[in-house]
Amino acid sequence: MYKTLISLVLLAFLAGTASAQKFGYVDMEFIMSKLPEYAAAQAEIDRLSENWAREIQEKLAAIDGMQRELMAEEVLLTDELKRKRQDAIREKELETREYNNKVFGMNGHLFQKKKELMKDVMDKVQRALDKVAAQRKLDMIIDKSSDFVLVYTNPRHDYTDYVLEELGIDLKPTANSGVKAPPKQ
């Protein structure tokens, strides 16, 4: 009797853990494209990136000018003056490389600014994803726009519209939008 009771409890426990997981997927690119906050943050990132790239181009142009000037006056310069100018050019090149890495490198200014500007947007989307997952009793939500390859997706598992609805984004097509929303379940 005791062994039977333990077997039944164990069987009930194993049956509960073996139940199928419910999953869904969303299109994060589509969701982000509908958020005005994301567009504003991306525009700011693009503006900063262009400004920093322009600064680096100006530094490179100055180095190029120094090199051309050295080549033009090379025959007139003493070895010591030539070496000083070459050292100055190398120093400017090093400064420019360091600045480029400081701005565009890993954990550089651009990366930090992107992280800072996108944090609120990503937190908002994550809260919406969490809420949709809880409401729909999902165990897993997959981003179909990421590098994770989905060979086949059944549209009934697409929860993109629910997340957009949770974010307060209206998907009613306008006359000039031309953007089709994913099918809603």
N, C-alpha and C. Protein backbone atom coordinates (compact mmCIF):
# COMPACT_ATOMS: atom_id res chain seq x y z
N MET A 1 0.83 -1.19 0.00
CA MET A 1 0.00 0.00 0.00
C MET A 1 0.88 1.26 0.00
N TYR A 2 1.88 1.28 0.87
CA TYR A 2 2.78 2.42 0.98
C TYR A 2 3.53 2.64 -0.34
N LYS A 3 4.02 1.56 -0.96
CA LYS A 3 4.74 1.66 -2.23
C LYS A 3 3.81 2.15 -3.33
N THR A 4 2.58 1.73 -3.32
CA THR A 4 1.61 2.17 -4.32
C THR A 4 1.34 3.66 -4.18
N LEU A 5 1.20 4.14 -2.95
CA LEU A 5 0.94 5.56 -2.70
C LEU A 5 2.12 6.41 -3.18
N ILE A 6 3.33 5.98 -2.85
CA ILE A 6 4.53 6.71 -3.30
C ILE A 6 4.62 6.70 -4.82
N SER A 7 4.32 5.57 -5.43
CA SER A 7 4.35 5.46 -6.89
C SER A 7 3.34 6.41 -7.53
N LEU A 8 2.14 6.50 -6.95
CA LEU A 8 1.11 7.40 -7.48
C LEU A 8 1.53 8.87 -7.34
N VAL A 9 2.10 9.23 -6.19
CA VAL A 9 2.55 10.61 -5.98
C VAL A 9 3.68 10.93 -6.97
N LEU A 10 4.62 10.02 -7.11
CA LEU A 10 5.72 10.22 -8.05
C LEU A 10 5.23 10.33 -9.48
N LEU A 11 4.28 9.48 -9.85
CA LEU A 11 3.70 9.51 -11.19
C LEU A 11 2.97 10.83 -11.45
N ALA A 12 2.23 11.30 -10.46
CA ALA A 12 1.52 12.57 -10.60
C ALA A 12 2.51 13.72 -10.76
N PHE A 13 3.59 13.69 -9.99
CA PHE A 13 4.61 14.73 -10.09
C PHE A 13 5.27 14.72 -11.47
N LEU A 14 5.65 13.56 -11.95
CA LEU A 14 6.29 13.45 -13.26
C LEU A 14 5.35 13.84 -14.38
N ALA A 15 4.08 13.50 -14.25
CA ALA A 15 3.11 13.88 -15.28
C ALA A 15 2.96 15.39 -15.35
N GLY A 16 3.01 16.04 -14.19
CA GLY A 16 2.90 17.50 -14.15
C GLY A 16 4.09 18.18 -14.80
N THR A 17 5.28 17.64 -14.61
CA THR A 17 6.47 18.26 -15.20
C THR A 17 6.63 17.92 -16.66
N ALA A 18 5.98 16.87 -17.12
CA ALA A 18 6.10 16.46 -18.52
C ALA A 18 5.07 17.14 -19.41
N SER A 19 4.25 18.01 -18.85
CA SER A 19 3.24 18.67 -19.66
C SER A 19 3.90 19.56 -20.71
N ALA A 20 3.22 19.74 -21.80
CA ALA A 20 3.77 20.52 -22.92
C ALA A 20 3.90 21.98 -22.53
N GLN A 21 4.97 22.59 -23.00
CA GLN A 21 5.16 24.01 -22.76
C GLN A 21 4.44 24.78 -23.86
N LYS A 22 3.87 25.91 -23.48
CA LYS A 22 3.18 26.75 -24.45
C LYS A 22 4.14 27.87 -24.85
N PHE A 23 4.27 28.08 -26.15
CA PHE A 23 5.19 29.09 -26.62
C PHE A 23 4.51 29.97 -27.66
N GLY A 24 5.14 31.09 -27.92
CA GLY A 24 4.67 32.00 -28.96
C GLY A 24 5.87 32.76 -29.50
N TYR A 25 5.63 33.55 -30.52
CA TYR A 25 6.72 34.35 -31.06
C TYR A 25 6.21 35.74 -31.37
N VAL A 26 7.13 36.68 -31.44
CA VAL A 26 6.81 38.06 -31.79
C VAL A 26 7.85 38.53 -32.81
N ASP A 27 7.49 39.56 -33.53
CA ASP A 27 8.40 40.20 -34.48
C ASP A 27 8.88 41.51 -33.85
N MET A 28 10.04 41.47 -33.19
CA MET A 28 10.54 42.64 -32.47
C MET A 28 10.86 43.80 -33.42
N GLU A 29 11.32 43.50 -34.62
CA GLU A 29 11.59 44.59 -35.58
C GLU A 29 10.31 45.35 -35.89
N PHE A 30 9.22 44.61 -36.09
CA PHE A 30 7.93 45.24 -36.38
C PHE A 30 7.45 46.05 -35.18
N ILE A 31 7.58 45.47 -33.99
CA ILE A 31 7.16 46.16 -32.77
C ILE A 31 7.95 47.46 -32.61
N MET A 32 9.27 47.36 -32.74
CA MET A 32 10.11 48.55 -32.57
C MET A 32 9.81 49.61 -33.62
N SER A 33 9.50 49.18 -34.84
CA SER A 33 9.21 50.14 -35.90
C SER A 33 7.94 50.93 -35.62
N LYS A 34 7.09 50.43 -34.75
CA LYS A 34 5.84 51.11 -34.42
C LYS A 34 5.96 52.01 -33.20
N LEU A 35 7.10 52.00 -32.52
CA LEU A 35 7.27 52.82 -31.32
C LEU A 35 7.94 54.15 -31.65
N PRO A 36 7.25 55.27 -31.42
CA PRO A 36 7.86 56.58 -31.69
C PRO A 36 9.11 56.82 -30.82
N GLU A 37 9.12 56.27 -29.60
CA GLU A 37 10.27 56.44 -28.72
C GLU A 37 11.52 55.79 -29.32
N TYR A 38 11.32 54.65 -29.97
CA TYR A 38 12.43 53.94 -30.60
C TYR A 38 12.97 54.76 -31.77
N ALA A 39 12.07 55.31 -32.58
CA ALA A 39 12.49 56.12 -33.73
C ALA A 39 13.26 57.35 -33.26
N ALA A 40 12.80 57.98 -32.18
CA ALA A 40 13.49 59.16 -31.65
C ALA A 40 14.87 58.80 -31.12
N ALA A 41 14.96 57.69 -30.39
CA ALA A 41 16.25 57.24 -29.86
C ALA A 41 17.20 56.89 -30.99
N GLN A 42 16.69 56.21 -32.01
CA GLN A 42 17.53 55.81 -33.15
C GLN A 42 18.02 57.05 -33.91
N ALA A 43 17.15 58.06 -34.05
CA ALA A 43 17.55 59.29 -34.73
C ALA A 43 18.67 60.00 -33.95
N GLU A 44 18.56 60.01 -32.62
CA GLU A 44 19.60 60.63 -31.79
C GLU A 44 20.92 59.86 -31.90
N ILE A 45 20.85 58.53 -31.92
CA ILE A 45 22.05 57.71 -32.07
C ILE A 45 22.70 57.97 -33.43
N ASP A 46 21.89 58.05 -34.48
CA ASP A 46 22.41 58.32 -35.82
C ASP A 46 23.08 59.69 -35.88
N ARG A 47 22.45 60.69 -35.25
CA ARG A 47 23.01 62.05 -35.24
C ARG A 47 24.37 62.07 -34.53
N LEU A 48 24.43 61.43 -33.36
CA LEU A 48 25.69 61.38 -32.62
C LEU A 48 26.77 60.64 -33.41
N SER A 49 26.39 59.54 -34.02
CA SER A 49 27.33 58.74 -34.79
C SER A 49 27.90 59.55 -35.96
N GLU A 50 27.04 60.29 -36.65
CA GLU A 50 27.49 61.12 -37.77
C GLU A 50 28.44 62.21 -37.30
N ASN A 51 28.12 62.84 -36.15
CA ASN A 51 29.00 63.89 -35.61
C ASN A 51 30.37 63.33 -35.25
N TRP A 52 30.39 62.19 -34.58
CA TRP A 52 31.67 61.59 -34.20
C TRP A 52 32.45 61.14 -35.43
N ALA A 53 31.77 60.58 -36.41
CA ALA A 53 32.44 60.16 -37.65
C ALA A 53 33.03 61.38 -38.37
N ARG A 54 32.29 62.49 -38.36
CA ARG A 54 32.78 63.72 -38.99
C ARG A 54 34.05 64.22 -38.27
N GLU A 55 34.05 64.17 -36.93
CA GLU A 55 35.24 64.58 -36.17
C GLU A 55 36.45 63.73 -36.56
N ILE A 56 36.24 62.44 -36.67
CA ILE A 56 37.34 61.54 -37.02
C ILE A 56 37.82 61.82 -38.43
N GLN A 57 36.89 62.08 -39.36
CA GLN A 57 37.29 62.41 -40.74
C GLN A 57 38.12 63.70 -40.78
N GLU A 58 37.74 64.68 -39.94
CA GLU A 58 38.51 65.93 -39.88
C GLU A 58 39.92 65.67 -39.37
N LYS A 59 40.04 64.81 -38.36
CA LYS A 59 41.36 64.47 -37.82
C LYS A 59 42.20 63.75 -38.88
N LEU A 60 41.57 62.84 -39.63
CA LEU A 60 42.29 62.12 -40.69
C LEU A 60 42.71 63.07 -41.81
N ALA A 61 41.85 64.04 -42.12
CA ALA A 61 42.19 65.03 -43.16
C ALA A 61 43.38 65.89 -42.70
N ALA A 62 43.41 66.23 -41.41
CA ALA A 62 44.54 67.01 -40.89
C ALA A 62 45.83 66.20 -40.98
N ILE A 63 45.75 64.92 -40.67
CA ILE A 63 46.93 64.05 -40.78
C ILE A 63 47.40 63.97 -42.22
N ASP A 64 46.45 63.82 -43.14
CA ASP A 64 46.77 63.76 -44.57
C ASP A 64 47.47 65.05 -45.01
N GLY A 65 46.97 66.18 -44.52
CA GLY A 65 47.60 67.47 -44.84
C GLY A 65 49.02 67.55 -44.31
N MET A 66 49.22 67.05 -43.09
CA MET A 66 50.57 67.04 -42.51
C MET A 66 51.51 66.16 -43.34
N GLN A 67 51.01 65.03 -43.82
CA GLN A 67 51.84 64.13 -44.63
C GLN A 67 52.19 64.77 -45.97
N ARG A 68 51.20 65.41 -46.60
CA ARG A 68 51.46 66.07 -47.89
C ARG A 68 52.47 67.22 -47.72
N GLU A 69 52.31 67.97 -46.64
CA GLU A 69 53.23 69.07 -46.36
C GLU A 69 54.66 68.55 -46.14
N LEU A 70 54.77 67.44 -45.42
CA LEU A 70 56.09 66.83 -45.19
C LEU A 70 56.71 66.39 -46.51
N MET A 71 55.92 65.74 -47.35
CA MET A 71 56.44 65.27 -48.64
C MET A 71 56.90 66.44 -49.51
N ALA A 72 56.15 67.55 -49.47
CA ALA A 72 56.49 68.71 -50.30
C ALA A 72 57.78 69.37 -49.82
N GLU A 73 58.01 69.37 -48.50
CA GLU A 73 59.17 70.08 -47.95
C GLU A 73 60.31 69.13 -47.56
N GLU A 74 60.14 67.85 -47.83
CA GLU A 74 61.09 66.84 -47.37
C GLU A 74 62.53 67.12 -47.80
N VAL A 75 62.72 67.54 -49.02
CA VAL A 75 64.08 67.77 -49.52
C VAL A 75 64.74 68.98 -48.86
N LEU A 76 63.95 69.88 -48.32
CA LEU A 76 64.48 71.09 -47.69
C LEU A 76 64.76 70.92 -46.20
N LEU A 77 64.24 69.84 -45.61
CA LEU A 77 64.33 69.65 -44.16
C LEU A 77 65.57 68.85 -43.77
N THR A 78 66.09 69.18 -42.61
CA THR A 78 67.19 68.38 -42.06
C THR A 78 66.61 67.07 -41.56
N ASP A 79 67.48 66.11 -41.32
CA ASP A 79 67.02 64.80 -40.84
C ASP A 79 66.28 64.94 -39.51
N GLU A 80 66.77 65.82 -38.66
CA GLU A 80 66.15 66.01 -37.35
C GLU A 80 64.74 66.60 -37.49
N LEU A 81 64.58 67.61 -38.33
CA LEU A 81 63.26 68.21 -38.55
C LEU A 81 62.30 67.21 -39.20
N LYS A 82 62.83 66.44 -40.14
CA LYS A 82 62.02 65.43 -40.81
C LYS A 82 61.52 64.40 -39.79
N ARG A 83 62.41 63.96 -38.90
CA ARG A 83 62.06 62.98 -37.89
C ARG A 83 61.00 63.55 -36.92
N LYS A 84 61.15 64.84 -36.56
CA LYS A 84 60.18 65.48 -35.66
C LYS A 84 58.79 65.52 -36.29
N ARG A 85 58.75 65.86 -37.56
CA ARG A 85 57.44 65.91 -38.25
C ARG A 85 56.84 64.52 -38.39
N GLN A 86 57.68 63.53 -38.70
CA GLN A 86 57.17 62.15 -38.80
C GLN A 86 56.64 61.68 -37.44
N ASP A 87 57.34 62.04 -36.37
CA ASP A 87 56.88 61.69 -35.02
C ASP A 87 55.54 62.38 -34.72
N ALA A 88 55.43 63.64 -35.13
CA ALA A 88 54.17 64.37 -34.90
C ALA A 88 53.02 63.72 -35.66
N ILE A 89 53.30 63.27 -36.88
CA ILE A 89 52.26 62.59 -37.69
C ILE A 89 51.86 61.28 -37.03
N ARG A 90 52.86 60.50 -36.59
CA ARG A 90 52.55 59.22 -35.92
C ARG A 90 51.74 59.45 -34.65
N GLU A 91 52.09 60.51 -33.91
CA GLU A 91 51.37 60.83 -32.68
C GLU A 91 49.91 61.18 -32.99
N LYS A 92 49.70 61.98 -34.04
CA LYS A 92 48.33 62.35 -34.44
C LYS A 92 47.55 61.11 -34.89
N GLU A 93 48.21 60.21 -35.63
CA GLU A 93 47.55 58.97 -36.07
C GLU A 93 47.14 58.13 -34.87
N LEU A 94 48.04 58.03 -33.88
CA LEU A 94 47.75 57.26 -32.67
C LEU A 94 46.58 57.89 -31.90
N GLU A 95 46.60 59.21 -31.76
CA GLU A 95 45.50 59.92 -31.08
C GLU A 95 44.17 59.66 -31.78
N THR A 96 44.20 59.70 -33.11
CA THR A 96 42.97 59.49 -33.88
C THR A 96 42.47 58.07 -33.72
N ARG A 97 43.36 57.09 -33.76
CA ARG A 97 42.96 55.68 -33.55
C ARG A 97 42.37 55.49 -32.16
N GLU A 98 43.02 56.08 -31.15
CA GLU A 98 42.52 55.96 -29.78
C GLU A 98 41.15 56.62 -29.65
N TYR A 99 40.99 57.78 -30.26
CA TYR A 99 39.69 58.46 -30.22
C TYR A 99 38.63 57.63 -30.92
N ASN A 100 38.97 57.05 -32.06
CA ASN A 100 38.03 56.20 -32.79
C ASN A 100 37.59 55.01 -31.92
N ASN A 101 38.56 54.37 -31.24
CA ASN A 101 38.22 53.26 -30.35
C ASN A 101 37.40 53.72 -29.16
N LYS A 102 37.71 54.90 -28.64
CA LYS A 102 36.97 55.44 -27.49
C LYS A 102 35.51 55.73 -27.87
N VAL A 103 35.30 56.13 -29.10
CA VAL A 103 33.94 56.47 -29.54
C VAL A 103 33.21 55.25 -30.09
N PHE A 104 33.82 54.54 -31.04
CA PHE A 104 33.12 53.46 -31.75
C PHE A 104 33.51 52.05 -31.28
N GLY A 105 34.49 51.93 -30.41
CA GLY A 105 34.93 50.62 -29.95
C GLY A 105 33.93 49.98 -28.99
N MET A 106 34.27 48.75 -28.59
CA MET A 106 33.42 48.06 -27.61
C MET A 106 33.37 48.89 -26.34
N ASN A 107 32.19 49.07 -25.82
CA ASN A 107 31.94 49.89 -24.63
C ASN A 107 32.37 51.34 -24.84
N GLY A 108 32.40 51.78 -26.09
CA GLY A 108 32.74 53.16 -26.41
C GLY A 108 31.55 54.09 -26.17
N HIS A 109 31.76 55.35 -26.48
CA HIS A 109 30.71 56.36 -26.27
C HIS A 109 29.41 55.99 -27.00
N LEU A 110 29.54 55.52 -28.25
CA LEU A 110 28.34 55.18 -29.03
C LEU A 110 27.58 54.03 -28.37
N PHE A 111 28.30 53.00 -27.96
CA PHE A 111 27.67 51.85 -27.31
C PHE A 111 26.97 52.28 -26.02
N GLN A 112 27.63 53.09 -25.22
CA GLN A 112 27.05 53.55 -23.95
C GLN A 112 25.82 54.42 -24.20
N LYS A 113 25.90 55.30 -25.18
CA LYS A 113 24.76 56.18 -25.48
C LYS A 113 23.58 55.37 -26.00
N LYS A 114 23.87 54.38 -26.85
CA LYS A 114 22.81 53.52 -27.38
C LYS A 114 22.13 52.77 -26.23
N LYS A 115 22.93 52.25 -25.32
CA LYS A 115 22.39 51.53 -24.16
C LYS A 115 21.51 52.46 -23.32
N GLU A 116 22.00 53.68 -23.10
CA GLU A 116 21.27 54.66 -22.30
C GLU A 116 19.94 55.06 -22.96
N LEU A 117 19.99 55.35 -24.27
CA LEU A 117 18.79 55.81 -24.97
C LEU A 117 17.76 54.70 -25.17
N MET A 118 18.22 53.47 -25.34
CA MET A 118 17.30 52.35 -25.62
C MET A 118 16.75 51.70 -24.35
N LYS A 119 17.33 52.01 -23.19
CA LYS A 119 16.93 51.33 -21.96
C LYS A 119 15.44 51.48 -21.68
N ASP A 120 14.93 52.70 -21.71
CA ASP A 120 13.51 52.93 -21.42
C ASP A 120 12.60 52.22 -22.42
N VAL A 121 12.98 52.28 -23.70
CA VAL A 121 12.18 51.63 -24.74
C VAL A 121 12.17 50.12 -24.52
N MET A 122 13.34 49.55 -24.28
CA MET A 122 13.44 48.09 -24.09
C MET A 122 12.71 47.65 -22.82
N ASP A 123 12.80 48.47 -21.76
CA ASP A 123 12.07 48.13 -20.53
C ASP A 123 10.56 48.14 -20.77
N LYS A 124 10.09 49.12 -21.53
CA LYS A 124 8.66 49.21 -21.84
C LYS A 124 8.19 47.98 -22.63
N VAL A 125 8.96 47.60 -23.64
CA VAL A 125 8.62 46.43 -24.45
C VAL A 125 8.69 45.16 -23.60
N GLN A 126 9.70 45.06 -22.74
CA GLN A 126 9.83 43.87 -21.89
C GLN A 126 8.64 43.74 -20.94
N ARG A 127 8.18 44.86 -20.38
CA ARG A 127 6.99 44.81 -19.51
C ARG A 127 5.78 44.33 -20.28
N ALA A 128 5.63 44.80 -21.52
CA ALA A 128 4.50 44.36 -22.36
C ALA A 128 4.63 42.87 -22.68
N LEU A 129 5.83 42.41 -23.00
CA LEU A 129 6.05 40.99 -23.27
C LEU A 129 5.72 40.14 -22.04
N ASP A 130 6.18 40.59 -20.88
CA ASP A 130 5.90 39.86 -19.64
C ASP A 130 4.40 39.77 -19.38
N LYS A 131 3.70 40.87 -19.62
CA LYS A 131 2.26 40.90 -19.37
C LYS A 131 1.52 39.97 -20.34
N VAL A 132 1.88 40.02 -21.62
CA VAL A 132 1.25 39.15 -22.62
C VAL A 132 1.54 37.69 -22.30
N ALA A 133 2.78 37.39 -21.92
CA ALA A 133 3.13 36.01 -21.57
C ALA A 133 2.32 35.52 -20.38
N ALA A 134 2.13 36.37 -19.39
CA ALA A 134 1.34 35.98 -18.21
C ALA A 134 -0.13 35.82 -18.58
N GLN A 135 -0.68 36.76 -19.35
CA GLN A 135 -2.10 36.69 -19.73
C GLN A 135 -2.38 35.47 -20.60
N ARG A 136 -1.49 35.15 -21.51
CA ARG A 136 -1.69 34.05 -22.45
C ARG A 136 -1.10 32.73 -21.94
N LYS A 137 -0.55 32.78 -20.73
CA LYS A 137 0.04 31.59 -20.09
C LYS A 137 1.12 30.94 -20.98
N LEU A 138 2.02 31.79 -21.47
CA LEU A 138 3.11 31.32 -22.32
C LEU A 138 4.33 31.01 -21.47
N ASP A 139 5.01 29.93 -21.81
CA ASP A 139 6.25 29.57 -21.13
C ASP A 139 7.45 30.21 -21.82
N MET A 140 7.30 30.52 -23.09
CA MET A 140 8.42 31.01 -23.87
C MET A 140 7.90 31.90 -25.00
N ILE A 141 8.61 33.02 -25.24
CA ILE A 141 8.33 33.88 -26.39
C ILE A 141 9.64 34.01 -27.17
N ILE A 142 9.58 33.74 -28.45
CA ILE A 142 10.75 33.78 -29.32
C ILE A 142 10.63 35.00 -30.23
N ASP A 143 11.76 35.66 -30.47
CA ASP A 143 11.80 36.79 -31.40
C ASP A 143 12.09 36.24 -32.79
N LYS A 144 11.11 36.33 -33.68
CA LYS A 144 11.31 35.75 -35.02
C LYS A 144 12.21 36.61 -35.90
N SER A 145 12.48 37.85 -35.50
CA SER A 145 13.34 38.70 -36.32
C SER A 145 14.82 38.59 -35.92
N SER A 146 15.13 37.77 -34.93
CA SER A 146 16.52 37.63 -34.50
C SER A 146 17.24 36.59 -35.36
N ASP A 147 18.47 36.30 -35.00
CA ASP A 147 19.26 35.34 -35.76
C ASP A 147 18.79 33.90 -35.57
N PHE A 148 17.94 33.69 -34.58
CA PHE A 148 17.38 32.37 -34.34
C PHE A 148 16.52 32.01 -35.55
N VAL A 149 16.82 30.92 -36.20
CA VAL A 149 16.15 30.56 -37.45
C VAL A 149 14.88 29.76 -37.15
N LEU A 150 13.76 30.28 -37.62
CA LEU A 150 12.49 29.57 -37.53
C LEU A 150 12.15 29.10 -38.93
N VAL A 151 12.17 27.80 -39.14
CA VAL A 151 11.91 27.25 -40.46
C VAL A 151 10.43 27.37 -40.80
N TYR A 152 9.58 27.17 -39.81
CA TYR A 152 8.14 27.29 -40.02
C TYR A 152 7.53 27.91 -38.77
N THR A 153 6.59 28.81 -38.97
CA THR A 153 5.85 29.38 -37.85
C THR A 153 4.37 29.38 -38.19
N ASN A 154 3.60 28.91 -37.27
CA ASN A 154 2.15 28.92 -37.42
C ASN A 154 1.66 30.28 -36.94
N PRO A 155 0.91 31.01 -37.76
CA PRO A 155 0.46 32.35 -37.38
C PRO A 155 -0.35 32.39 -36.07
N ARG A 156 -0.91 31.28 -35.66
CA ARG A 156 -1.70 31.32 -34.42
C ARG A 156 -0.80 31.48 -33.20
N HIS A 157 0.51 31.28 -33.36
CA HIS A 157 1.44 31.46 -32.26
C HIS A 157 2.10 32.85 -32.28
N ASP A 158 1.67 33.72 -33.22
CA ASP A 158 2.24 35.06 -33.33
C ASP A 158 1.53 35.99 -32.35
N TYR A 159 2.27 36.50 -31.38
CA TYR A 159 1.70 37.36 -30.35
C TYR A 159 2.14 38.82 -30.52
N THR A 160 2.64 39.16 -31.68
CA THR A 160 3.10 40.52 -31.94
C THR A 160 1.98 41.54 -31.72
N ASP A 161 0.79 41.25 -32.24
CA ASP A 161 -0.33 42.18 -32.10
C ASP A 161 -0.70 42.40 -30.64
N TYR A 162 -0.63 41.36 -29.84
CA TYR A 162 -0.98 41.49 -28.43
C TYR A 162 0.02 42.40 -27.70
N VAL A 163 1.29 42.27 -28.06
CA VAL A 163 2.31 43.13 -27.45
C VAL A 163 2.09 44.57 -27.89
N LEU A 164 1.83 44.78 -29.18
CA LEU A 164 1.56 46.14 -29.67
C LEU A 164 0.32 46.72 -29.00
N GLU A 165 -0.69 45.91 -28.82
CA GLU A 165 -1.91 46.35 -28.13
C GLU A 165 -1.58 46.74 -26.70
N GLU A 166 -0.75 45.96 -26.04
CA GLU A 166 -0.34 46.25 -24.67
C GLU A 166 0.45 47.55 -24.60
N LEU A 167 1.19 47.85 -25.65
CA LEU A 167 1.96 49.09 -25.72
C LEU A 167 1.09 50.28 -26.14
N GLY A 168 -0.16 50.02 -26.47
CA GLY A 168 -1.08 51.09 -26.86
C GLY A 168 -0.90 51.55 -28.29
N ILE A 169 -0.42 50.69 -29.15
CA ILE A 169 -0.19 51.05 -30.55
C ILE A 169 -1.34 50.53 -31.39
N ASP A 170 -1.96 51.44 -32.15
CA ASP A 170 -3.10 51.09 -32.99
C ASP A 170 -2.58 50.61 -34.34
N LEU A 171 -3.05 49.45 -34.79
CA LEU A 171 -2.59 48.89 -36.06
C LEU A 171 -3.59 49.03 -37.18
N LYS A 172 -4.60 49.84 -36.99
CA LYS A 172 -5.58 50.02 -38.07
C LYS A 172 -4.85 50.65 -39.25
N PRO A 173 -4.94 50.01 -40.43
CA PRO A 173 -4.22 50.55 -41.59
C PRO A 173 -4.80 51.90 -42.01
N THR A 174 -3.88 52.81 -42.35
CA THR A 174 -4.31 54.10 -42.87
C THR A 174 -4.20 54.05 -44.38
N ALA A 175 -4.75 55.05 -45.04
CA ALA A 175 -4.79 55.06 -46.50
C ALA A 175 -3.39 55.06 -47.11
N ASN A 176 -2.42 55.69 -46.44
CA ASN A 176 -1.09 55.81 -47.03
C ASN A 176 -0.02 55.01 -46.30
N SER A 177 -0.40 54.18 -45.34
CA SER A 177 0.63 53.49 -44.55
C SER A 177 1.33 52.40 -45.35
N GLY A 178 0.58 51.56 -46.04
CA GLY A 178 1.20 50.50 -46.82
C GLY A 178 1.82 49.40 -45.98
N VAL A 179 1.72 49.49 -44.66
CA VAL A 179 2.30 48.49 -43.77
C VAL A 179 1.21 47.55 -43.32
N LYS A 180 1.43 46.27 -43.55
CA LYS A 180 0.44 45.28 -43.13
C LYS A 180 0.84 44.73 -41.78
N ALA A 181 -0.13 44.64 -40.91
CA ALA A 181 0.12 44.07 -39.59
C ALA A 181 0.06 42.56 -39.70
N PRO A 182 0.79 41.85 -38.82
CA PRO A 182 0.69 40.40 -38.82
C PRO A 182 -0.73 39.98 -38.45
N PRO A 183 -1.18 38.81 -38.90
CA PRO A 183 -2.54 38.39 -38.62
C PRO A 183 -2.76 38.20 -37.12
N LYS A 184 -3.91 38.65 -36.63
CA LYS A 184 -4.24 38.52 -35.23
C LYS A 184 -5.04 37.25 -35.04
N GLN A 185 -4.83 36.59 -33.93
CA GLN A 185 -5.51 35.31 -33.69
C GLN A 185 -6.98 35.50 -33.44
